[in-house]
Amino acid sequence: MTEYHLDFTSSPEESCALFFAVLAFPEDDELETKRMNLHASLCHLYYRSRAETDETWAITPQLIKPIYAFREPKQIDRDLKQLKRRLRDRMQAAKIAIAFLQEVKLGVAFKLPKNVKRMSIKQLSEMLLEETGYMEIENIENRIWRASLPVIHLAAATAVVMDQLKKSGLENPSIGHFLTNPDLAKLVVEKSNFYADMLTKSTKLSINPAALIRLYPH
């Protein structure tokens, strides 16, 4: 099992950025190139955002890693485009996971959409055909569901908290809300571990607990 321990108190920017980097790239090369690139770009955006909103902080000497401060704008744009695309896939996979989560939590069968006949990955994938633009269910199963499995608990927690933010009056929750709010990001991480335990208990899913990437806040 892969684990990361996040310190939202001492290094909130790195912890929040790592959460999204892992969510976007559960699978990476041996050097974690894509994950580290995205992590650096998100840390840069955290510092830039804080400097724009906190004048006192902006003119006070800070301990900042140069790799974050001098990030190339073109690289940041590339990283954010990848994050946006992958986050979209994770949120779509989360819709499938949440159906199983509700069934485990309530102990009763999840109320399926009209066009879904039974509780299965294949059937639940069908409800995403129009939204994703894919023509075949197999594409959703392979490119969205299976690709998201190592972080499916993180995806579900993010989707649930985003929905809660919308219901509380925040019209368009974005990455920035989590990146600049350590308490919010920590809430998602805590919720994700609860969801991980629930998903592995589902009799209709075959998720190996050791295959999940776990994040632990402290």
Protein backbone atom coordinates (compact mmCIF):
# COMPACT_ATOMS: atom_id res chain seq x y z
CA MET A 1 0.00 0.00 0.00
CA THR A 2 1.27 3.46 -0.92
CA GLU A 3 0.88 6.04 1.84
CA TYR A 4 1.51 9.77 2.11
CA HIS A 5 1.37 11.74 5.35
CA LEU A 6 0.29 15.33 4.89
CA ASP A 7 1.13 18.11 7.32
CA PHE A 8 -1.58 20.72 6.76
CA THR A 9 -0.23 22.86 9.60
CA SER A 10 3.47 23.22 8.82
CA SER A 11 3.30 22.91 5.02
CA PRO A 12 -0.28 23.53 3.90
CA GLU A 13 0.70 24.48 0.34
CA GLU A 14 2.66 21.27 -0.25
CA SER A 15 0.02 19.11 1.40
CA CYS A 16 -2.88 20.57 -0.59
CA ALA A 17 -0.87 20.36 -3.80
CA LEU A 18 0.13 16.75 -3.14
CA PHE A 19 -3.50 15.78 -2.67
CA PHE A 20 -4.39 16.98 -6.17
CA ALA A 21 -1.17 15.61 -7.68
CA VAL A 22 -1.97 12.13 -6.39
CA LEU A 23 -5.60 12.43 -7.45
CA ALA A 24 -4.56 13.38 -10.97
CA PHE A 25 -1.68 10.91 -11.31
CA PRO A 26 -2.29 7.75 -9.28
CA GLU A 27 -0.01 6.02 -11.77
CA ASP A 28 3.27 7.68 -12.80
CA ASP A 29 6.78 6.80 -13.94
CA GLU A 30 9.48 5.72 -11.48
CA LEU A 31 10.58 9.31 -10.89
CA GLU A 32 6.97 10.52 -10.45
CA THR A 33 7.68 13.14 -13.10
CA LYS A 34 4.13 14.23 -13.91
CA ARG A 35 3.06 14.18 -10.28
CA MET A 36 6.05 16.28 -9.19
CA ASN A 37 5.53 18.75 -12.03
CA LEU A 38 1.90 19.29 -11.09
CA HIS A 39 2.82 19.53 -7.42
CA ALA A 40 5.34 22.30 -8.13
CA SER A 41 2.88 24.22 -10.29
CA LEU A 42 0.14 24.07 -7.66
CA CYS A 43 2.55 25.26 -4.96
CA HIS A 44 3.48 28.18 -7.21
CA LEU A 45 -0.20 29.08 -7.60
CA TYR A 46 -0.70 28.87 -3.84
CA TYR A 47 2.08 31.41 -3.22
CA ARG A 48 0.90 33.69 -5.98
CA SER A 49 -2.68 33.62 -4.73
CA ARG A 50 -1.65 34.29 -1.15
CA ALA A 51 0.59 37.18 -2.21
CA GLU A 52 -2.35 38.74 -4.03
CA THR A 53 -4.73 38.40 -1.09
CA ASP A 54 -2.43 38.90 1.91
CA GLU A 55 -0.37 42.08 1.57
CA THR A 56 1.38 41.64 4.92
CA TRP A 57 2.45 38.11 4.06
CA ALA A 58 3.61 39.24 0.62
CA ILE A 59 6.11 41.75 2.01
CA THR A 60 7.35 39.53 4.85
CA PRO A 61 10.41 37.27 4.25
CA GLN A 62 9.25 33.70 3.64
CA LEU A 63 10.95 30.33 3.36
CA ILE A 64 9.99 29.26 -0.16
CA LYS A 65 11.58 26.60 -2.35
CA PRO A 66 12.94 28.26 -5.52
CA ILE A 67 11.46 25.52 -7.70
CA TYR A 68 8.02 26.81 -6.70
CA ALA A 69 8.78 30.52 -6.97
CA PHE A 70 10.36 30.40 -10.43
CA ARG A 71 7.98 28.03 -12.16
CA GLU A 72 7.66 28.67 -15.91
CA PRO A 73 4.18 29.93 -16.93
CA LYS A 74 4.07 27.57 -19.93
CA GLN A 75 4.78 24.59 -17.69
CA ILE A 76 2.10 25.69 -15.24
CA ASP A 77 -0.43 25.94 -18.08
CA ARG A 78 0.44 22.44 -19.29
CA ASP A 79 0.14 21.00 -15.80
CA LEU A 80 -3.20 22.67 -15.15
CA LYS A 81 -4.64 21.42 -18.45
CA GLN A 82 -3.70 17.88 -17.49
CA LEU A 83 -5.17 18.36 -14.01
CA LYS A 84 -8.43 19.70 -15.41
CA ARG A 85 -8.82 16.76 -17.78
CA ARG A 86 -7.91 14.16 -15.18
CA LEU A 87 -10.04 15.76 -12.47
CA ARG A 88 -13.00 15.56 -14.86
CA ASP A 89 -12.38 11.82 -15.24
CA ARG A 90 -12.08 11.37 -11.48
CA MET A 91 -15.38 13.17 -10.85
CA GLN A 92 -17.10 10.95 -13.38
CA ALA A 93 -15.66 7.84 -11.76
CA ALA A 94 -16.82 9.23 -8.41
CA LYS A 95 -20.44 9.11 -9.57
CA ILE A 96 -20.14 5.35 -9.93
CA ALA A 97 -18.34 4.96 -6.60
CA ILE A 98 -20.91 7.06 -4.72
CA ALA A 99 -23.68 4.67 -5.79
CA PHE A 100 -21.82 1.80 -4.11
CA LEU A 101 -20.97 3.97 -1.09
CA GLN A 102 -24.62 4.78 -0.51
CA GLU A 103 -25.57 1.13 -0.73
CA VAL A 104 -22.94 0.14 1.85
CA LYS A 105 -23.76 3.07 4.15
CA LEU A 106 -27.54 2.62 4.08
CA GLY A 107 -27.55 -1.15 3.89
CA VAL A 108 -30.23 -1.04 1.20
CA ALA A 109 -30.14 -1.11 -2.57
CA PHE A 110 -29.20 2.19 -4.17
CA LYS A 111 -32.04 3.78 -6.13
CA LEU A 112 -30.82 3.38 -9.68
CA PRO A 113 -31.47 5.85 -12.51
CA LYS A 114 -34.27 4.80 -14.86
CA ASN A 115 -31.92 3.62 -17.61
CA VAL A 116 -29.80 1.50 -15.24
CA LYS A 117 -31.17 -2.01 -14.71
CA ARG A 118 -28.85 -3.36 -12.02
CA MET A 119 -26.03 -2.37 -9.70
CA SER A 120 -22.87 -3.01 -11.69
CA ILE A 121 -19.90 -1.09 -13.06
CA LYS A 122 -21.07 -1.76 -16.61
CA GLN A 123 -24.61 -0.56 -15.97
CA LEU A 124 -23.56 2.51 -13.98
CA SER A 125 -21.03 3.36 -16.69
CA GLU A 126 -23.89 3.51 -19.16
CA MET A 127 -25.34 6.57 -17.44
CA LEU A 128 -22.09 8.44 -18.22
CA LEU A 129 -22.08 7.78 -21.98
CA GLU A 130 -23.68 11.07 -22.95
CA GLU A 131 -21.71 13.08 -20.40
CA THR A 132 -18.32 11.69 -21.45
CA GLY A 133 -18.94 11.62 -25.17
CA TYR A 134 -17.77 8.02 -25.41
CA MET A 135 -19.67 5.68 -27.71
CA GLU A 136 -18.86 2.45 -25.88
CA ILE A 137 -19.22 1.50 -22.22
CA GLU A 138 -15.85 -0.28 -22.33
CA ASN A 139 -14.11 3.08 -22.81
CA ILE A 140 -15.64 4.40 -19.59
CA GLU A 141 -14.74 1.24 -17.69
CA ASN A 142 -11.13 1.30 -18.88
CA ARG A 143 -10.26 4.98 -19.25
CA ILE A 144 -12.28 6.41 -16.38
CA TRP A 145 -13.20 3.74 -13.82
CA ARG A 146 -10.13 1.48 -13.86
CA ALA A 147 -7.74 4.40 -14.27
CA SER A 148 -9.28 5.98 -11.16
CA LEU A 149 -9.34 2.89 -8.94
CA PRO A 150 -6.18 3.64 -6.87
CA VAL A 151 -7.71 6.99 -5.86
CA ILE A 152 -11.42 6.27 -6.21
CA HIS A 153 -11.95 7.01 -2.49
CA LEU A 154 -10.22 10.40 -2.92
CA ALA A 155 -12.34 11.14 -5.97
CA ALA A 156 -15.57 10.29 -4.17
CA ALA A 157 -14.64 12.42 -1.16
CA THR A 158 -13.78 15.37 -3.41
CA ALA A 159 -17.07 15.05 -5.29
CA VAL A 160 -19.11 14.86 -2.09
CA VAL A 161 -17.42 17.90 -0.51
CA MET A 162 -17.77 19.90 -3.73
CA ASP A 163 -21.49 19.09 -3.73
CA GLN A 164 -21.75 20.19 -0.10
CA LEU A 165 -20.04 23.48 -0.98
CA LYS A 166 -22.55 24.08 -3.77
CA LYS A 167 -25.45 23.40 -1.43
CA SER A 168 -23.98 25.85 1.08
CA GLY A 169 -24.09 28.63 -1.54
CA LEU A 170 -20.72 28.40 -3.28
CA GLU A 171 -21.77 28.41 -6.91
CA ASN A 172 -18.61 27.11 -8.59
CA PRO A 173 -16.25 25.26 -6.22
CA SER A 174 -12.82 25.01 -7.81
CA ILE A 175 -9.36 23.62 -7.19
CA GLY A 176 -8.41 27.01 -5.78
CA HIS A 177 -10.88 26.68 -2.89
CA PHE A 178 -9.14 23.51 -1.72
CA LEU A 179 -5.62 24.69 -2.53
CA THR A 180 -5.92 27.82 -0.40
CA ASN A 181 -8.00 26.28 2.38
CA PRO A 182 -6.01 23.60 4.26
CA ASP A 183 -8.93 22.79 6.56
CA LEU A 184 -11.13 22.03 3.55
CA ALA A 185 -8.49 19.86 1.93
CA LYS A 186 -7.91 18.07 5.24
CA LEU A 187 -11.64 17.35 5.49
CA VAL A 188 -11.56 15.69 2.07
CA VAL A 189 -8.56 13.56 3.02
CA GLU A 190 -10.22 12.43 6.27
CA LYS A 191 -13.44 11.60 4.45
CA SER A 192 -11.51 9.69 1.78
CA ASN A 193 -10.14 7.23 4.35
CA PHE A 194 -13.65 6.56 5.64
CA TYR A 195 -14.80 5.96 2.05
CA ALA A 196 -11.85 3.66 1.35
CA ASP A 197 -12.95 1.38 4.18
CA MET A 198 -16.53 1.41 2.93
CA LEU A 199 -15.68 0.68 -0.71
CA THR A 200 -13.55 -2.31 0.19
CA LYS A 201 -16.50 -3.73 2.14
CA SER A 202 -18.83 -3.63 -0.85
CA THR A 203 -19.70 -7.15 -1.97
CA LYS A 204 -20.29 -5.90 -5.52
CA LEU A 205 -16.86 -4.38 -5.92
CA SER A 206 -13.56 -6.19 -5.89
CA ILE A 207 -11.23 -3.50 -4.59
CA ASN A 208 -8.01 -4.63 -3.01
CA PRO A 209 -7.32 -2.35 -0.01
CA ALA A 210 -3.59 -2.59 -0.69
CA ALA A 211 -4.13 -1.12 -4.17
CA LEU A 212 -5.51 2.14 -2.80
CA ILE A 213 -3.24 5.15 -2.31
CA ARG A 214 -3.88 6.39 1.22
CA LEU A 215 -3.35 9.93 2.44
CA TYR A 216 -3.19 10.62 6.17
CA PRO A 217 -3.41 14.12 7.67
CA HIS A 218 -1.52 15.21 10.78
